[in-house]
Amino acid sequence: MAQLWGGRFTKETDQLVYNFNASISFDKKFYRQDIEGSRAHVTMLAKQGILTEEEKEQILGGLYSILRDVENGTLEITDAYEDIHSFVEANLIDRIGDAGKKLHTGRSRNDQVALDMKLYTRDEVKELDGLLKELLSTLLHIMEENLDTYMPGFTHLQKAQPITLAHHAGAYFEMFKRDRQRLADIYKRMNFCPLGSGALAGTTYPLDREYTAELLGFDGPTLNSMDSVADRDYLIELLSALSTIMMHLSRFSEEIIIWNSNEYQFVELDDTYSTGSSIMPQKKNPDIAELVRGKTGRVYGALMSLLTTMKGLPLAYNKDMQEDKELTFDAIDTVKGCISLFHGMIATMKVNKKQMESSAKNGFTNATDAADYLVNKGVPFRDAHGIVGQLVLHCIGKDISLDDMTLEEYKSISPVFEEDIYEAISMKTCVEKRTTIGAPGEDAMKRVIVRNQAYLENEGSGEMFA
């Protein structure tokens, strides 16, 4: 078919070149945004007297009919068109005649595709935010239900000090909360309308760019037409934010994989989020967690790809920028799928509270508290540190925990120990006496939970995108 831009050409484009240049196979994804932008543009053109009211109504009616027919399946977006803009304009002309040829007045495909991508990305940021909010709600529920679920906290993947599952889940609550804040920040910075920038230098038509921006829900128009068509910063920022989300999901997935292992048995994943082995009938594999961990590299790749594409491009628009779409679409879809599946996995997993507490005891996570006990009895910390080291060696030799030692055994290493050592090193005492804000003690955690509830009800209500 003839190209909308083919007036100065005397030869048909080679088919291989045409296929290589075309973007319809992937940019058809934002047909709604393309039509939405066109409707706002036409409305503005009529307001400015560039189109008549009759022409405006004809074009708006034609655009509506195209949208309706695409969505009800009677009009297919095919590879016969070079891009989604050509598809919409060609079908509009077929339906309403010469009035349809005026749709493109005062704009270029450069500012049109910049608008479409922003509108699409803006919608996806809102959807991603909603998925993260649902995940945070489930994490908050886990926190509320596990204030007394004692478990080992780790450094260097070695058991370190006792915490609770509520405290552990709370760490990820903070991570995903920051992820939402990053999305809101990106949304705010990108929410300016590029339409009206033309190919790179604006247009001689008396456009009202402020009005167009208002119709499309932007905070205003962009202020430099060259930057408007060449800017992909918001996509780089989004891919960076998506990479961070995936990093957080991957870290949590790694821990769930460990917790689900036969050696730990801290959690049991629901059958609906696990798979079996083709030859080993006893296996129950954490495939969802592993796939989330694996797909993280895929999203990282999208970020590095776009950074590499953009690093050498002069102003203003270059065809290289077409490479922003497929990888961004894929990264967004990947992250949305991973959040949803991960959310379902942790919402349905069972927690083995006894096993978690037993692991904390057997890992000497209360050793620091034993040293603090001695310090409170007047023993210098450095001496207390050495005494507790001897306790640990004694326990390792007898394959017991500090809780299992008799008072006589304690006194044989230091006469300072008394009966109250058992209460001092109990998991409950070790955790609950840590009451500073941010610590795992129940009082401290309850204060954090109240704050998190308020966050989800207020800042987390979606108002950040209003």
Protein backbone atom coordinates (compact mmCIF):
# COMPACT_ATOMS: atom_id res chain seq x y z
CA MET A 1 0.00 0.00 0.00
CA ALA A 2 1.09 3.62 -0.56
CA GLN A 3 2.88 5.19 2.37
CA LEU A 4 1.53 8.32 4.04
CA TRP A 5 5.00 9.83 3.69
CA GLY A 6 5.74 8.69 0.10
CA GLY A 7 5.17 11.89 -1.86
CA ARG A 8 8.80 12.63 -2.69
CA PHE A 9 9.70 9.03 -3.51
CA THR A 10 9.71 7.63 -7.08
CA LYS A 11 10.34 3.99 -6.18
CA GLU A 12 8.54 1.58 -3.89
CA THR A 13 10.37 0.70 -0.70
CA ASP A 14 12.07 -2.70 -0.88
CA GLN A 15 9.91 -5.20 1.02
CA LEU A 16 12.76 -6.25 3.28
CA VAL A 17 13.48 -2.60 4.07
CA TYR A 18 9.77 -1.99 4.68
CA ASN A 19 9.52 -4.94 7.07
CA PHE A 20 12.68 -3.87 8.90
CA ASN A 21 11.40 -0.32 9.25
CA ALA A 22 7.83 -1.18 10.23
CA SER A 23 6.68 -1.09 13.85
CA ILE A 24 3.04 -2.18 13.54
CA SER A 25 3.79 -5.63 14.95
CA PHE A 26 4.46 -4.10 18.37
CA ASP A 27 3.19 -0.53 18.42
CA LYS A 28 -0.36 -1.76 17.76
CA LYS A 29 -0.28 -2.34 21.51
CA PHE A 30 -1.18 1.32 22.05
CA TYR A 31 -4.00 1.79 19.56
CA ARG A 32 -6.19 3.21 22.35
CA GLN A 33 -3.57 5.81 23.24
CA ASP A 34 -3.09 6.76 19.57
CA ILE A 35 -6.81 7.34 19.13
CA GLU A 36 -7.06 9.17 22.45
CA GLY A 37 -4.27 11.53 21.41
CA SER A 38 -5.86 12.10 18.00
CA ARG A 39 -9.21 12.98 19.54
CA ALA A 40 -7.61 15.56 21.81
CA HIS A 41 -5.58 16.99 18.90
CA VAL A 42 -8.65 17.35 16.68
CA THR A 43 -10.65 18.93 19.49
CA MET A 44 -7.88 21.50 19.95
CA LEU A 45 -7.63 22.16 16.19
CA ALA A 46 -11.35 22.97 16.07
CA LYS A 47 -11.09 25.22 19.12
CA GLN A 48 -8.35 27.16 17.36
CA GLY A 49 -10.38 27.47 14.13
CA ILE A 50 -7.96 25.29 12.18
CA LEU A 51 -10.76 22.75 11.60
CA THR A 52 -14.47 23.43 11.37
CA GLU A 53 -16.88 22.01 13.94
CA GLU A 54 -18.32 19.77 11.21
CA GLU A 55 -14.86 18.41 10.37
CA LYS A 56 -14.15 17.85 14.04
CA GLU A 57 -17.37 15.88 14.54
CA GLN A 58 -16.70 13.79 11.43
CA ILE A 59 -13.20 12.93 12.57
CA LEU A 60 -14.21 12.22 16.16
CA GLY A 61 -17.02 9.95 14.95
CA GLY A 62 -14.65 8.12 12.64
CA LEU A 63 -12.05 7.67 15.38
CA TYR A 64 -14.70 6.35 17.74
CA SER A 65 -15.89 3.84 15.14
CA ILE A 66 -12.32 2.60 14.59
CA LEU A 67 -11.83 2.14 18.33
CA ARG A 68 -15.15 0.34 18.65
CA ASP A 69 -14.46 -1.99 15.74
CA VAL A 70 -10.94 -2.86 16.90
CA GLU A 71 -12.21 -3.69 20.38
CA ASN A 72 -15.18 -5.77 19.19
CA GLY A 73 -12.95 -7.68 16.75
CA THR A 74 -14.50 -6.53 13.47
CA LEU A 75 -11.42 -4.49 12.50
CA GLU A 76 -8.04 -6.19 12.66
CA ILE A 77 -4.74 -4.34 13.00
CA THR A 78 -2.61 -6.08 10.37
CA ASP A 79 0.95 -5.86 9.14
CA ALA A 80 -0.33 -4.22 5.95
CA TYR A 81 0.26 -0.93 7.75
CA GLU A 82 3.66 0.47 8.67
CA ASP A 83 2.69 1.61 12.15
CA ILE A 84 -0.33 2.23 14.36
CA HIS A 85 -0.54 5.88 13.25
CA SER A 86 -0.80 4.83 9.60
CA PHE A 87 -3.43 2.24 10.48
CA VAL A 88 -5.65 4.77 12.25
CA GLU A 89 -5.26 7.51 9.65
CA ALA A 90 -5.76 5.23 6.65
CA ASN A 91 -8.89 3.67 8.12
CA LEU A 92 -10.21 7.10 9.06
CA ILE A 93 -9.82 8.35 5.49
CA ASP A 94 -11.53 5.21 4.19
CA ARG A 95 -14.49 5.87 6.51
CA ILE A 96 -15.02 9.63 6.33
CA GLY A 97 -13.17 10.74 3.19
CA ASP A 98 -11.22 13.99 2.80
CA ALA A 99 -11.93 15.22 6.33
CA GLY A 100 -9.80 12.33 7.57
CA LYS A 101 -6.81 13.73 5.70
CA LYS A 102 -6.86 16.74 8.04
CA LEU A 103 -6.23 14.61 11.14
CA HIS A 104 -2.48 15.05 10.84
CA THR A 105 -2.58 18.86 10.62
CA GLY A 106 -0.06 20.47 12.94
CA ARG A 107 1.68 17.33 14.09
CA SER A 108 4.36 14.81 13.08
CA ARG A 109 4.70 11.12 13.65
CA ASN A 110 7.62 12.09 15.89
CA ASP A 111 5.54 13.97 18.45
CA GLN A 112 2.66 11.55 17.92
CA VAL A 113 4.70 8.48 18.87
CA ALA A 114 6.24 10.40 21.78
CA LEU A 115 2.71 11.10 23.02
CA ASP A 116 1.48 7.54 22.50
CA MET A 117 4.40 6.09 24.43
CA LYS A 118 3.89 8.53 27.29
CA LEU A 119 0.17 7.83 27.49
CA TYR A 120 0.80 4.08 27.42
CA THR A 121 3.58 4.26 30.00
CA ARG A 122 1.48 6.47 32.26
CA ASP A 123 -1.32 3.89 32.24
CA GLU A 124 1.12 1.06 32.94
CA VAL A 125 2.74 2.93 35.84
CA LYS A 126 -0.68 3.19 37.48
CA GLU A 127 -1.29 -0.53 36.97
CA LEU A 128 2.13 -1.45 38.35
CA ASP A 129 1.46 0.74 41.36
CA GLY A 130 -1.83 -1.05 41.99
CA LEU A 131 -0.13 -4.45 41.90
CA LEU A 132 2.53 -3.27 44.35
CA LYS A 133 -0.14 -1.92 46.67
CA GLU A 134 -1.86 -5.33 46.71
CA LEU A 135 1.48 -6.99 47.48
CA LEU A 136 2.09 -4.53 50.32
CA SER A 137 -1.35 -5.29 51.77
CA THR A 138 -0.49 -8.99 51.90
CA LEU A 139 2.91 -8.26 53.45
CA LEU A 140 1.20 -6.12 56.09
CA HIS A 141 -1.16 -9.01 56.85
CA ILE A 142 1.83 -11.35 57.26
CA MET A 143 3.36 -8.83 59.64
CA GLU A 144 0.19 -8.58 61.72
CA GLU A 145 -0.13 -12.37 61.98
CA ASN A 146 3.49 -13.10 62.88
CA LEU A 147 4.52 -10.71 65.64
CA ASP A 148 5.49 -13.72 67.78
CA THR A 149 6.82 -15.99 65.02
CA TYR A 150 10.46 -16.14 66.11
CA MET A 151 13.10 -16.95 63.55
CA PRO A 152 16.81 -16.41 62.98
CA GLY A 153 17.98 -13.21 61.39
CA PHE A 154 21.01 -13.64 59.15
CA THR A 155 24.17 -11.83 58.17
CA HIS A 156 26.53 -13.46 55.65
CA LEU A 157 23.81 -16.16 55.42
CA GLN A 158 24.87 -17.16 58.95
CA LYS A 159 22.40 -17.15 61.83
CA ALA A 160 22.98 -13.92 63.72
CA GLN A 161 20.24 -12.69 66.07
CA PRO A 162 16.62 -13.64 66.68
CA ILE A 163 13.92 -11.66 64.92
CA THR A 164 10.32 -12.35 63.92
CA LEU A 165 8.77 -13.15 60.58
CA ALA A 166 6.84 -9.89 60.99
CA HIS A 167 10.14 -8.01 61.15
CA HIS A 168 11.54 -9.88 58.15
CA ALA A 169 8.43 -9.22 56.06
CA GLY A 170 8.57 -5.60 57.20
CA ALA A 171 11.96 -5.19 55.53
CA TYR A 172 10.39 -6.08 52.18
CA PHE A 173 7.43 -3.80 52.93
CA GLU A 174 9.92 -0.93 53.06
CA MET A 175 11.54 -2.02 49.78
CA PHE A 176 8.29 -2.26 47.85
CA LYS A 177 7.07 0.99 49.41
CA ARG A 178 10.15 2.71 47.98
CA ASP A 179 9.38 1.08 44.63
CA ARG A 180 5.95 2.73 44.65
CA GLN A 181 7.52 6.07 45.54
CA ARG A 182 9.88 5.73 42.58
CA LEU A 183 6.95 5.05 40.24
CA ALA A 184 5.11 8.10 41.57
CA ASP A 185 8.22 10.20 41.08
CA ILE A 186 8.60 9.00 37.48
CA TYR A 187 4.92 9.68 36.79
CA LYS A 188 5.19 13.23 38.08
CA ARG A 189 8.32 14.01 36.06
CA MET A 190 7.05 12.49 32.80
CA ASN A 191 3.54 13.97 32.93
CA PHE A 192 4.05 16.71 30.35
CA CYS A 193 2.57 16.59 26.87
CA PRO A 194 4.87 16.47 23.80
CA LEU A 195 2.09 16.81 21.22
CA GLY A 196 2.47 19.99 19.18
CA SER A 197 6.26 19.72 19.03
CA GLY A 198 6.05 18.59 15.41
CA ALA A 199 9.00 16.78 13.91
CA LEU A 200 11.42 18.79 16.08
CA ALA A 201 10.75 22.52 15.65
CA GLY A 202 7.07 23.02 16.42
CA THR A 203 4.63 24.22 13.78
CA THR A 204 3.36 27.43 12.24
CA TYR A 205 -0.23 26.55 13.09
CA PRO A 206 -1.65 28.44 16.10
CA LEU A 207 -1.90 25.38 18.33
CA ASP A 208 -3.04 25.62 21.95
CA ARG A 209 -0.67 23.12 23.51
CA GLU A 210 -1.84 23.93 27.03
CA TYR A 211 -5.38 22.95 26.05
CA THR A 212 -4.22 19.69 24.45
CA ALA A 213 -2.25 18.85 27.58
CA GLU A 214 -5.30 19.57 29.73
CA LEU A 215 -7.54 17.34 27.60
CA LEU A 216 -5.11 14.45 28.01
CA GLY A 217 -4.61 14.87 31.77
CA PHE A 218 -1.05 16.20 31.62
CA ASP A 219 0.31 18.84 33.98
CA GLY A 220 1.22 21.00 30.99
CA PRO A 221 3.06 20.96 27.67
CA THR A 222 6.74 20.16 27.28
CA LEU A 223 8.88 23.28 26.88
CA ASN A 224 11.39 22.34 24.19
CA SER A 225 10.23 20.74 20.96
CA MET A 226 13.58 19.06 20.23
CA ASP A 227 13.74 17.47 23.65
CA SER A 228 10.07 16.51 23.38
CA VAL A 229 10.61 14.14 20.46
CA ALA A 230 14.06 12.95 21.57
CA ASP A 231 13.35 12.31 25.26
CA ARG A 232 13.40 8.73 26.44
CA ASP A 233 14.62 9.54 29.96
CA TYR A 234 11.30 8.56 31.50
CA LEU A 235 11.56 5.09 29.95
CA ILE A 236 15.11 4.67 31.20
CA GLU A 237 13.92 5.74 34.66
CA LEU A 238 11.00 3.34 34.45
CA LEU A 239 13.20 0.42 33.38
CA SER A 240 15.55 1.27 36.24
CA ALA A 241 12.62 1.26 38.68
CA LEU A 242 11.37 -2.02 37.21
CA SER A 243 14.86 -3.50 37.58
CA THR A 244 14.85 -2.50 41.25
CA ILE A 245 11.41 -4.07 41.74
CA MET A 246 12.70 -7.28 40.19
CA MET A 247 15.82 -7.17 42.35
CA HIS A 248 13.60 -6.97 45.45
CA LEU A 249 11.37 -9.79 44.20
CA SER A 250 14.45 -11.87 43.39
CA ARG A 251 15.98 -11.39 46.84
CA PHE A 252 12.74 -12.42 48.51
CA SER A 253 12.38 -15.35 46.09
CA GLU A 254 15.88 -16.53 46.98
CA GLU A 255 14.97 -16.55 50.66
CA ILE A 256 11.72 -18.39 50.03
CA ILE A 257 13.62 -20.99 48.00
CA ILE A 258 15.97 -21.49 50.95
CA TRP A 259 13.13 -21.50 53.51
CA ASN A 260 11.23 -24.06 51.42
CA SER A 261 14.19 -26.47 51.28
CA ASN A 262 14.27 -29.73 53.23
CA GLU A 263 17.10 -28.37 55.36
CA TYR A 264 15.14 -25.33 56.57
CA GLN A 265 11.44 -26.20 56.27
CA PHE A 266 10.45 -22.70 57.42
CA VAL A 267 7.60 -22.53 54.89
CA GLU A 268 5.60 -24.82 52.66
CA LEU A 269 4.48 -23.48 49.31
CA ASP A 270 0.96 -24.17 48.17
CA ASP A 271 0.57 -26.87 45.51
CA THR A 272 -0.82 -24.30 43.08
CA TYR A 273 2.51 -22.44 43.14
CA SER A 274 4.79 -25.49 42.98
CA THR A 275 5.69 -28.21 40.51
CA GLY A 276 6.99 -31.76 40.72
CA SER A 277 9.82 -33.69 39.16
CA SER A 278 9.37 -35.92 36.13
CA ILE A 279 11.40 -38.74 37.75
CA MET A 280 11.56 -37.96 41.48
CA PRO A 281 8.08 -38.32 43.00
CA GLN A 282 9.06 -36.80 46.35
CA LYS A 283 9.97 -33.40 44.87
CA LYS A 284 7.96 -30.21 45.32
CA ASN A 285 9.84 -27.47 43.52
CA PRO A 286 9.55 -23.68 44.10
CA ASP A 287 9.41 -22.96 40.38
CA ILE A 288 7.57 -19.65 40.65
CA ALA A 289 10.21 -18.23 42.98
CA GLU A 290 12.95 -19.55 40.70
CA LEU A 291 11.37 -18.08 37.57
CA VAL A 292 10.96 -14.69 39.24
CA ARG A 293 14.62 -14.85 40.18
CA GLY A 294 15.51 -15.85 36.63
CA LYS A 295 13.44 -13.21 34.86
CA THR A 296 15.20 -10.45 36.77
CA GLY A 297 18.08 -10.60 34.29
CA ARG A 298 15.62 -10.15 31.44
CA VAL A 299 14.41 -6.83 32.86
CA TYR A 300 17.99 -5.72 33.58
CA GLY A 301 18.73 -6.45 29.91
CA ALA A 302 15.97 -4.08 28.77
CA LEU A 303 17.45 -1.26 30.84
CA MET A 304 20.96 -1.81 29.48
CA SER A 305 19.63 -2.10 25.93
CA LEU A 306 17.85 1.26 26.01
CA LEU A 307 20.77 2.99 27.72
CA THR A 308 23.03 1.65 24.98
CA THR A 309 20.62 2.70 22.22
CA MET A 310 20.36 6.26 23.51
CA LYS A 311 23.99 6.90 24.42
CA GLY A 312 25.17 8.11 20.98
CA LEU A 313 22.09 9.73 19.48
CA PRO A 314 22.28 13.36 18.37
CA LEU A 315 19.21 15.57 18.59
CA ALA A 316 16.47 15.30 17.66
CA TYR A 317 14.50 12.18 16.63
CA ASN A 318 16.34 9.15 15.22
CA LYS A 319 14.83 5.88 14.08
CA ASP A 320 16.97 4.05 16.66
CA MET A 321 14.42 5.22 19.22
CA GLN A 322 11.91 2.75 17.82
CA GLU A 323 13.89 0.18 19.82
CA ASP A 324 12.38 1.59 23.02
CA LYS A 325 9.05 -0.14 22.56
CA GLU A 326 9.46 -3.90 22.36
CA LEU A 327 11.87 -4.12 25.27
CA THR A 328 9.80 -1.74 27.41
CA PHE A 329 6.59 -3.62 26.64
CA ASP A 330 8.28 -6.89 27.50
CA ALA A 331 9.80 -5.55 30.73
CA ILE A 332 6.47 -4.11 31.91
CA ASP A 333 4.60 -7.34 31.13
CA THR A 334 7.32 -9.41 32.81
CA VAL A 335 7.26 -7.34 36.00
CA LYS A 336 3.46 -7.29 36.19
CA GLY A 337 3.37 -11.06 35.82
CA CYS A 338 6.11 -11.58 38.40
CA ILE A 339 4.45 -9.32 40.98
CA SER A 340 1.11 -11.08 40.54
CA LEU A 341 2.54 -14.59 40.79
CA PHE A 342 4.85 -13.74 43.67
CA HIS A 343 1.94 -12.15 45.51
CA GLY A 344 -0.15 -15.29 45.10
CA MET A 345 2.73 -17.47 46.24
CA ILE A 346 3.37 -15.66 49.53
CA ALA A 347 -0.35 -15.19 50.20
CA THR A 348 -0.89 -18.97 50.15
CA MET A 349 2.34 -20.30 51.70
CA LYS A 350 2.17 -21.93 55.13
CA VAL A 351 4.57 -20.85 57.88
CA ASN A 352 6.18 -23.45 60.15
CA LYS A 353 6.48 -21.39 63.36
CA LYS A 354 7.98 -24.19 65.48
CA GLN A 355 10.67 -24.92 62.94
CA MET A 356 11.60 -21.25 62.65
CA GLU A 357 11.94 -20.85 66.41
CA SER A 358 13.88 -24.09 66.76
CA SER A 359 16.31 -22.92 64.07
CA ALA A 360 16.84 -19.64 65.93
CA LYS A 361 17.64 -21.48 69.16
CA ASN A 362 19.94 -24.02 67.54
CA GLY A 363 21.86 -21.32 65.72
CA PHE A 364 22.97 -19.52 68.92
CA THR A 365 21.15 -16.37 67.81
CA ASN A 366 20.74 -15.48 71.48
CA ALA A 367 24.51 -15.46 72.11
CA THR A 368 24.66 -11.66 71.98
CA ASP A 369 21.92 -11.49 74.60
CA ALA A 370 23.90 -13.84 76.82
CA ALA A 371 26.84 -11.45 76.54
CA ASP A 372 24.56 -8.50 77.36
CA TYR A 373 23.36 -10.44 80.41
CA LEU A 374 26.94 -10.64 81.71
CA VAL A 375 27.56 -6.95 80.98
CA ASN A 376 24.48 -6.07 83.01
CA LYS A 377 26.02 -8.10 85.85
CA GLY A 378 29.17 -5.96 85.73
CA VAL A 379 31.37 -8.08 83.43
CA PRO A 380 33.32 -5.98 80.86
CA PHE A 381 31.97 -6.61 77.36
CA ARG A 382 35.26 -7.95 76.01
CA ASP A 383 35.39 -10.53 78.82
CA ALA A 384 31.71 -11.33 78.33
CA HIS A 385 32.35 -11.91 74.62
CA GLY A 386 35.04 -14.49 75.45
CA ILE A 387 32.85 -16.23 78.07
CA VAL A 388 29.98 -16.63 75.63
CA GLY A 389 32.41 -17.96 73.02
CA GLN A 390 33.29 -20.70 75.52
CA LEU A 391 29.57 -21.39 76.05
CA VAL A 392 29.07 -21.83 72.32
CA LEU A 393 32.03 -24.21 72.04
CA HIS A 394 30.63 -26.23 74.97
CA CYS A 395 27.23 -26.47 73.25
CA ILE A 396 28.74 -27.45 69.91
CA GLY A 397 30.66 -30.24 71.64
CA LYS A 398 27.48 -31.58 73.25
CA ASP A 399 25.20 -30.77 70.24
CA ILE A 400 22.86 -28.67 72.39
CA SER A 401 21.64 -25.05 72.40
CA LEU A 402 22.28 -22.37 75.02
CA ASP A 403 18.73 -22.92 76.25
CA ASP A 404 19.55 -26.60 76.96
CA MET A 405 22.55 -25.97 79.22
CA THR A 406 22.12 -26.62 82.94
CA LEU A 407 22.83 -23.85 85.44
CA GLU A 408 25.78 -25.90 86.69
CA GLU A 409 27.25 -25.93 83.20
CA TYR A 410 26.81 -22.17 82.99
CA LYS A 411 28.50 -21.63 86.37
CA SER A 412 31.36 -23.92 85.43
CA ILE A 413 32.28 -21.37 82.76
CA SER A 414 31.39 -18.23 84.77
CA PRO A 415 30.04 -18.01 88.34
CA VAL A 416 28.18 -14.81 87.40
CA PHE A 417 25.39 -16.80 85.77
CA GLU A 418 22.19 -17.25 87.79
CA GLU A 419 18.77 -18.78 87.20
CA ASP A 420 17.59 -15.65 85.42
CA ILE A 421 19.88 -16.44 82.46
CA TYR A 422 17.14 -18.63 80.95
CA GLU A 423 14.65 -15.79 80.79
CA ALA A 424 17.32 -13.42 79.51
CA ILE A 425 18.12 -15.62 76.51
CA SER A 426 14.61 -16.83 75.69
CA MET A 427 13.51 -15.98 72.13
CA LYS A 428 10.65 -13.91 73.51
CA THR A 429 12.92 -11.83 75.74
CA CYS A 430 15.62 -11.46 73.10
CA VAL A 431 13.12 -10.04 70.61
CA GLU A 432 10.73 -8.08 72.80
CA LYS A 433 13.36 -6.07 74.67
CA ARG A 434 14.37 -4.54 71.32
CA THR A 435 11.83 -1.73 71.43
CA THR A 436 13.45 1.10 69.46
CA ILE A 437 11.51 2.05 66.33
CA GLY A 438 12.55 -0.22 63.48
CA ALA A 439 13.56 -3.09 65.78
CA PRO A 440 11.74 -6.48 65.92
CA GLY A 441 10.20 -6.07 69.39
CA GLU A 442 6.42 -6.42 69.44
CA ASP A 443 5.77 -2.88 70.69
CA ALA A 444 8.05 -1.40 68.04
CA MET A 445 6.51 -3.56 65.32
CA LYS A 446 2.98 -2.56 66.30
CA ARG A 447 3.93 1.10 65.92
CA VAL A 448 5.34 0.39 62.47
CA ILE A 449 2.23 -1.57 61.47
CA VAL A 450 0.04 1.41 62.41
CA ARG A 451 2.20 3.63 60.20
CA ASN A 452 2.04 1.14 57.34
CA GLN A 453 -1.74 0.95 57.62
CA ALA A 454 -1.94 4.73 57.43
CA TYR A 455 0.40 4.72 54.43
CA LEU A 456 -1.78 2.28 52.49
CA GLU A 457 -4.94 4.20 53.36
CA ASN A 458 -3.52 7.63 52.48
CA GLU A 459 -0.36 7.87 50.37
CA GLY A 460 -1.06 4.39 49.08
CA SER A 461 -4.58 5.15 47.89
CA GLY A 462 -3.55 6.23 44.40
CA GLU A 463 -3.78 9.95 45.15
CA MET A 464 -0.15 10.32 44.07
CA PHE A 465 -1.36 9.92 40.47
CA ALA A 466 -4.37 12.23 40.76
